[in-house]
Amino acid sequence: MKKPITLLLAGFAAAAALGAAPASATAQGRLVLTTDTGTSRVVTYASCAQPSNTVGVNGLVAFQNTPAPGCAVSLRKGAQSHVLCVGHGAIPAAFRDGATIRIQQGASFPCR
């Protein structure tokens, strides 16, 4: 059984733990990234007042995005940026390997 990598981002502090861990009671935003091998990376956060970056993983193919109110999640790679919609969607090909995940204040729109 593959273990998801869970990251908890809260304010200035970021803690990482290997294995399945319950979401924090204060976490309002959640992003699940799925790779081409079927593993998942879960990012939870309580606030986006201070923008935070997380180094991405290779082979991203899909996401489930539930941003906190007033927050937006984007993928960045070089000069390119892509804001993830709210809901389930596919990762654009240009961002599947080595993109940085950025959580910041902003608007998010429903996936079509």
N, C-alpha and C. Protein backbone atom coordinates (compact mmCIF):
# COMPACT_ATOMS: atom_id res chain seq x y z
N MET A 1 0.84 -1.17 0.00
CA MET A 1 0.00 0.00 0.00
C MET A 1 0.89 1.23 0.00
N LYS A 2 0.60 2.18 -0.86
CA LYS A 2 1.40 3.38 -0.96
C LYS A 2 0.92 4.39 0.07
N LYS A 3 1.87 5.07 0.70
CA LYS A 3 1.53 6.05 1.73
C LYS A 3 1.53 7.44 1.11
N PRO A 4 0.47 8.26 1.36
CA PRO A 4 0.48 9.62 0.85
C PRO A 4 1.45 10.48 1.65
N ILE A 5 1.97 11.48 1.01
CA ILE A 5 2.81 12.45 1.69
C ILE A 5 1.89 13.58 2.12
N THR A 6 1.87 13.89 3.39
CA THR A 6 0.98 14.90 3.91
C THR A 6 1.78 16.11 4.36
N LEU A 7 1.39 17.28 3.89
CA LEU A 7 2.03 18.51 4.30
C LEU A 7 1.02 19.40 4.99
N LEU A 8 1.39 20.00 6.08
CA LEU A 8 0.53 20.92 6.79
C LEU A 8 1.19 22.28 6.76
N LEU A 9 0.53 23.23 6.09
CA LEU A 9 1.07 24.57 6.00
C LEU A 9 0.17 25.49 6.81
N ALA A 10 0.69 26.15 7.82
CA ALA A 10 -0.11 27.05 8.66
C ALA A 10 0.70 28.29 8.96
N GLY A 11 0.25 29.44 8.46
CA GLY A 11 0.95 30.70 8.70
C GLY A 11 2.37 30.64 8.20
N PHE A 12 3.33 30.96 9.07
CA PHE A 12 4.74 30.95 8.70
C PHE A 12 5.36 29.57 8.79
N ALA A 13 4.78 28.71 9.63
CA ALA A 13 5.40 27.41 9.88
C ALA A 13 4.92 26.38 8.89
N ALA A 14 5.79 25.47 8.52
CA ALA A 14 5.42 24.36 7.65
C ALA A 14 6.02 23.10 8.24
N ALA A 15 5.20 22.10 8.42
CA ALA A 15 5.68 20.84 8.96
C ALA A 15 5.35 19.74 7.98
N ALA A 16 6.26 18.80 7.79
CA ALA A 16 6.03 17.70 6.86
C ALA A 16 6.14 16.38 7.60
N ALA A 17 5.29 15.45 7.22
CA ALA A 17 5.33 14.12 7.84
C ALA A 17 5.07 13.09 6.77
N LEU A 18 5.76 11.96 6.85
CA LEU A 18 5.57 10.89 5.89
C LEU A 18 4.53 9.93 6.44
N GLY A 19 3.56 9.58 5.61
CA GLY A 19 2.50 8.67 6.04
C GLY A 19 1.18 9.38 6.08
N ALA A 20 0.14 8.63 6.30
CA ALA A 20 -1.20 9.19 6.37
C ALA A 20 -1.38 9.87 7.71
N ALA A 21 -1.88 11.09 7.67
CA ALA A 21 -2.12 11.84 8.91
C ALA A 21 -3.45 12.55 8.78
N PRO A 22 -4.20 12.67 9.87
CA PRO A 22 -5.48 13.36 9.80
C PRO A 22 -5.27 14.85 9.55
N ALA A 23 -6.21 15.47 8.87
CA ALA A 23 -6.13 16.90 8.61
C ALA A 23 -6.29 17.64 9.92
N SER A 24 -5.62 18.75 10.03
CA SER A 24 -5.70 19.56 11.24
C SER A 24 -7.12 20.09 11.42
N ALA A 25 -7.55 20.22 12.67
CA ALA A 25 -8.88 20.73 12.96
C ALA A 25 -9.02 22.17 12.52
N THR A 26 -7.91 22.92 12.44
CA THR A 26 -7.97 24.31 12.03
C THR A 26 -7.80 24.49 10.53
N ALA A 27 -7.43 23.46 9.81
CA ALA A 27 -7.20 23.57 8.38
C ALA A 27 -8.50 23.84 7.64
N GLN A 28 -8.48 24.86 6.80
CA GLN A 28 -9.65 25.20 6.02
C GLN A 28 -9.47 24.90 4.54
N GLY A 29 -8.24 24.87 4.08
CA GLY A 29 -7.97 24.61 2.68
C GLY A 29 -7.30 23.26 2.52
N ARG A 30 -7.61 22.61 1.39
CA ARG A 30 -7.03 21.27 1.15
C ARG A 30 -6.82 21.08 -0.34
N LEU A 31 -5.65 20.56 -0.67
CA LEU A 31 -5.30 20.25 -2.05
C LEU A 31 -4.75 18.84 -2.09
N VAL A 32 -5.32 18.00 -2.96
CA VAL A 32 -4.82 16.64 -3.14
C VAL A 32 -4.28 16.56 -4.56
N LEU A 33 -3.01 16.22 -4.69
CA LEU A 33 -2.37 16.06 -5.99
C LEU A 33 -2.11 14.58 -6.21
N THR A 34 -2.48 14.08 -7.38
CA THR A 34 -2.30 12.67 -7.70
C THR A 34 -1.25 12.54 -8.79
N THR A 35 -0.35 11.57 -8.63
CA THR A 35 0.71 11.35 -9.61
C THR A 35 0.33 10.23 -10.57
N ASP A 36 1.15 10.08 -11.60
CA ASP A 36 0.91 9.04 -12.60
C ASP A 36 1.15 7.64 -12.05
N THR A 37 1.73 7.53 -10.85
CA THR A 37 1.91 6.21 -10.22
C THR A 37 0.79 5.91 -9.23
N GLY A 38 -0.16 6.83 -9.08
CA GLY A 38 -1.29 6.61 -8.18
C GLY A 38 -1.07 7.10 -6.76
N THR A 39 0.11 7.64 -6.46
CA THR A 39 0.33 8.18 -5.12
C THR A 39 -0.28 9.57 -5.02
N SER A 40 -0.56 9.99 -3.80
CA SER A 40 -1.17 11.30 -3.58
C SER A 40 -0.31 12.13 -2.66
N ARG A 41 -0.38 13.42 -2.86
CA ARG A 41 0.26 14.39 -1.98
C ARG A 41 -0.86 15.30 -1.50
N VAL A 42 -1.01 15.41 -0.18
CA VAL A 42 -2.08 16.21 0.41
C VAL A 42 -1.46 17.44 1.06
N VAL A 43 -1.98 18.62 0.70
CA VAL A 43 -1.54 19.88 1.30
C VAL A 43 -2.75 20.49 1.99
N THR A 44 -2.64 20.73 3.30
CA THR A 44 -3.71 21.41 4.04
C THR A 44 -3.15 22.70 4.62
N TYR A 45 -4.00 23.71 4.75
CA TYR A 45 -3.54 24.99 5.27
C TYR A 45 -4.70 25.73 5.93
N ALA A 46 -4.37 26.56 6.91
CA ALA A 46 -5.37 27.30 7.66
C ALA A 46 -5.53 28.72 7.15
N SER A 47 -4.51 29.24 6.48
CA SER A 47 -4.55 30.63 6.05
C SER A 47 -3.69 30.82 4.81
N CYS A 48 -4.01 31.86 4.06
CA CYS A 48 -3.17 32.22 2.92
C CYS A 48 -2.73 33.67 3.05
N ALA A 49 -2.83 34.23 4.26
CA ALA A 49 -2.44 35.62 4.49
C ALA A 49 -0.97 35.84 4.11
N GLN A 50 -0.13 34.87 4.43
CA GLN A 50 1.27 34.90 4.02
C GLN A 50 1.43 33.87 2.90
N PRO A 51 1.73 34.29 1.67
CA PRO A 51 1.89 33.32 0.58
C PRO A 51 2.92 32.26 0.95
N SER A 52 2.63 31.03 0.58
CA SER A 52 3.57 29.94 0.86
C SER A 52 3.80 29.12 -0.39
N ASN A 53 5.01 28.64 -0.53
CA ASN A 53 5.40 27.81 -1.67
C ASN A 53 5.78 26.42 -1.20
N THR A 54 5.42 25.44 -1.99
CA THR A 54 5.79 24.06 -1.74
C THR A 54 6.36 23.51 -3.03
N VAL A 55 7.51 22.87 -2.94
CA VAL A 55 8.10 22.27 -4.13
C VAL A 55 7.23 21.11 -4.57
N GLY A 56 6.92 21.07 -5.84
CA GLY A 56 6.07 20.03 -6.38
C GLY A 56 6.79 18.71 -6.56
N VAL A 57 6.05 17.75 -7.01
CA VAL A 57 6.60 16.43 -7.30
C VAL A 57 6.47 16.16 -8.78
N ASN A 58 7.19 15.20 -9.28
CA ASN A 58 7.12 14.85 -10.69
C ASN A 58 5.96 13.91 -10.96
N GLY A 59 5.43 13.96 -12.16
CA GLY A 59 4.39 13.04 -12.58
C GLY A 59 2.99 13.41 -12.12
N LEU A 60 2.75 14.69 -11.80
CA LEU A 60 1.40 15.10 -11.39
C LEU A 60 0.44 14.96 -12.56
N VAL A 61 -0.73 14.40 -12.31
CA VAL A 61 -1.71 14.25 -13.39
C VAL A 61 -3.08 14.82 -13.05
N ALA A 62 -3.43 14.87 -11.76
CA ALA A 62 -4.77 15.32 -11.38
C ALA A 62 -4.73 16.01 -10.02
N PHE A 63 -5.81 16.75 -9.72
CA PHE A 63 -5.92 17.43 -8.44
C PHE A 63 -7.36 17.46 -7.97
N GLN A 64 -7.52 17.63 -6.66
CA GLN A 64 -8.80 17.91 -6.02
C GLN A 64 -8.52 19.12 -5.14
N ASN A 65 -9.09 20.28 -5.50
CA ASN A 65 -8.78 21.54 -4.84
C ASN A 65 -9.99 22.05 -4.07
N THR A 66 -9.82 22.25 -2.77
CA THR A 66 -10.84 22.85 -1.91
C THR A 66 -10.14 23.99 -1.17
N PRO A 67 -10.03 25.17 -1.81
CA PRO A 67 -9.28 26.26 -1.18
C PRO A 67 -10.04 26.88 -0.01
N ALA A 68 -9.29 27.44 0.93
CA ALA A 68 -9.88 28.20 2.02
C ALA A 68 -10.50 29.46 1.43
N PRO A 69 -11.50 30.04 2.10
CA PRO A 69 -12.13 31.27 1.59
C PRO A 69 -11.09 32.37 1.33
N GLY A 70 -11.17 32.98 0.14
CA GLY A 70 -10.26 34.06 -0.22
C GLY A 70 -8.89 33.62 -0.66
N CYS A 71 -8.69 32.31 -0.81
CA CYS A 71 -7.38 31.78 -1.20
C CYS A 71 -7.42 31.19 -2.61
N ALA A 72 -6.27 31.20 -3.25
CA ALA A 72 -6.11 30.59 -4.56
C ALA A 72 -4.85 29.73 -4.54
N VAL A 73 -4.90 28.63 -5.26
CA VAL A 73 -3.75 27.72 -5.38
C VAL A 73 -3.29 27.77 -6.83
N SER A 74 -2.01 28.01 -7.02
CA SER A 74 -1.49 28.04 -8.38
C SER A 74 -0.27 27.14 -8.50
N LEU A 75 -0.01 26.72 -9.72
CA LEU A 75 1.20 25.98 -10.06
C LEU A 75 2.09 26.94 -10.82
N ARG A 76 3.38 26.94 -10.49
CA ARG A 76 4.33 27.82 -11.16
C ARG A 76 5.52 27.01 -11.63
N LYS A 77 5.94 27.32 -12.84
CA LYS A 77 7.13 26.68 -13.40
C LYS A 77 7.79 27.70 -14.32
N GLY A 78 8.97 28.15 -13.91
CA GLY A 78 9.64 29.21 -14.67
C GLY A 78 8.78 30.46 -14.65
N ALA A 79 8.54 31.04 -15.82
CA ALA A 79 7.72 32.25 -15.92
C ALA A 79 6.24 31.93 -16.06
N GLN A 80 5.89 30.65 -16.15
CA GLN A 80 4.49 30.25 -16.34
C GLN A 80 3.78 30.06 -15.01
N SER A 81 2.47 30.35 -15.01
CA SER A 81 1.65 30.17 -13.82
C SER A 81 0.27 29.69 -14.25
N HIS A 82 -0.33 28.83 -13.43
CA HIS A 82 -1.67 28.31 -13.71
C HIS A 82 -2.45 28.20 -12.40
N VAL A 83 -3.58 28.94 -12.28
CA VAL A 83 -4.41 28.87 -11.08
C VAL A 83 -5.32 27.66 -11.19
N LEU A 84 -5.33 26.84 -10.13
CA LEU A 84 -6.19 25.66 -10.12
C LEU A 84 -7.62 26.05 -9.81
N CYS A 85 -8.55 25.43 -10.52
CA CYS A 85 -9.96 25.67 -10.26
C CYS A 85 -10.39 24.92 -9.00
N VAL A 86 -11.58 25.25 -8.50
CA VAL A 86 -12.12 24.59 -7.31
C VAL A 86 -12.84 23.32 -7.76
N GLY A 87 -12.44 22.20 -7.21
CA GLY A 87 -13.02 20.91 -7.58
C GLY A 87 -11.94 19.98 -8.08
N HIS A 88 -12.32 19.10 -9.00
CA HIS A 88 -11.42 18.08 -9.53
C HIS A 88 -11.04 18.44 -10.96
N GLY A 89 -9.76 18.29 -11.29
CA GLY A 89 -9.32 18.57 -12.64
C GLY A 89 -8.00 17.90 -12.96
N ALA A 90 -7.57 18.07 -14.21
CA ALA A 90 -6.30 17.52 -14.68
C ALA A 90 -5.22 18.59 -14.61
N ILE A 91 -4.01 18.17 -14.31
CA ILE A 91 -2.86 19.08 -14.29
C ILE A 91 -2.44 19.31 -15.74
N PRO A 92 -2.30 20.59 -16.17
CA PRO A 92 -1.83 20.85 -17.53
C PRO A 92 -0.44 20.24 -17.76
N ALA A 93 -0.20 19.76 -18.95
CA ALA A 93 1.05 19.07 -19.28
C ALA A 93 2.30 19.87 -18.89
N ALA A 94 2.28 21.18 -19.08
CA ALA A 94 3.45 22.01 -18.80
C ALA A 94 3.81 22.05 -17.32
N PHE A 95 2.89 21.64 -16.43
CA PHE A 95 3.12 21.73 -14.98
C PHE A 95 3.21 20.36 -14.31
N ARG A 96 3.28 19.30 -15.06
CA ARG A 96 3.27 17.95 -14.48
C ARG A 96 4.58 17.57 -13.79
N ASP A 97 5.68 18.16 -14.17
CA ASP A 97 6.98 17.83 -13.57
C ASP A 97 7.67 19.09 -13.06
N GLY A 98 8.01 19.09 -11.77
CA GLY A 98 8.83 20.15 -11.20
C GLY A 98 8.18 21.49 -10.94
N ALA A 99 6.87 21.58 -10.97
CA ALA A 99 6.20 22.85 -10.70
C ALA A 99 6.20 23.13 -9.20
N THR A 100 6.13 24.40 -8.84
CA THR A 100 5.99 24.83 -7.45
C THR A 100 4.53 25.12 -7.18
N ILE A 101 4.04 24.68 -6.03
CA ILE A 101 2.66 24.94 -5.63
C ILE A 101 2.69 26.21 -4.79
N ARG A 102 1.85 27.19 -5.13
CA ARG A 102 1.80 28.45 -4.38
C ARG A 102 0.39 28.66 -3.86
N ILE A 103 0.29 28.91 -2.56
CA ILE A 103 -0.99 29.20 -1.92
C ILE A 103 -0.94 30.66 -1.49
N GLN A 104 -1.89 31.44 -1.99
CA GLN A 104 -1.89 32.88 -1.72
C GLN A 104 -3.31 33.41 -1.74
N GLN A 105 -3.47 34.67 -1.35
CA GLN A 105 -4.79 35.29 -1.41
C GLN A 105 -5.17 35.46 -2.87
N GLY A 106 -6.45 35.27 -3.17
CA GLY A 106 -6.92 35.43 -4.54
C GLY A 106 -8.24 34.73 -4.74
N ALA A 107 -8.73 34.83 -5.96
CA ALA A 107 -10.02 34.23 -6.31
C ALA A 107 -9.81 32.88 -6.98
N SER A 108 -10.70 31.96 -6.67
CA SER A 108 -10.70 30.64 -7.31
C SER A 108 -12.07 30.42 -7.92
N PHE A 109 -12.11 29.75 -9.04
CA PHE A 109 -13.36 29.53 -9.76
C PHE A 109 -13.63 28.04 -9.90
N PRO A 110 -14.91 27.65 -9.96
CA PRO A 110 -15.26 26.22 -10.07
C PRO A 110 -14.70 25.59 -11.35
N CYS A 111 -14.33 24.33 -11.26
CA CYS A 111 -13.90 23.58 -12.44
C CYS A 111 -15.13 23.33 -13.31
N ARG A 112 -14.93 23.26 -14.60
CA ARG A 112 -16.04 23.01 -15.53
C ARG A 112 -16.19 21.56 -15.80
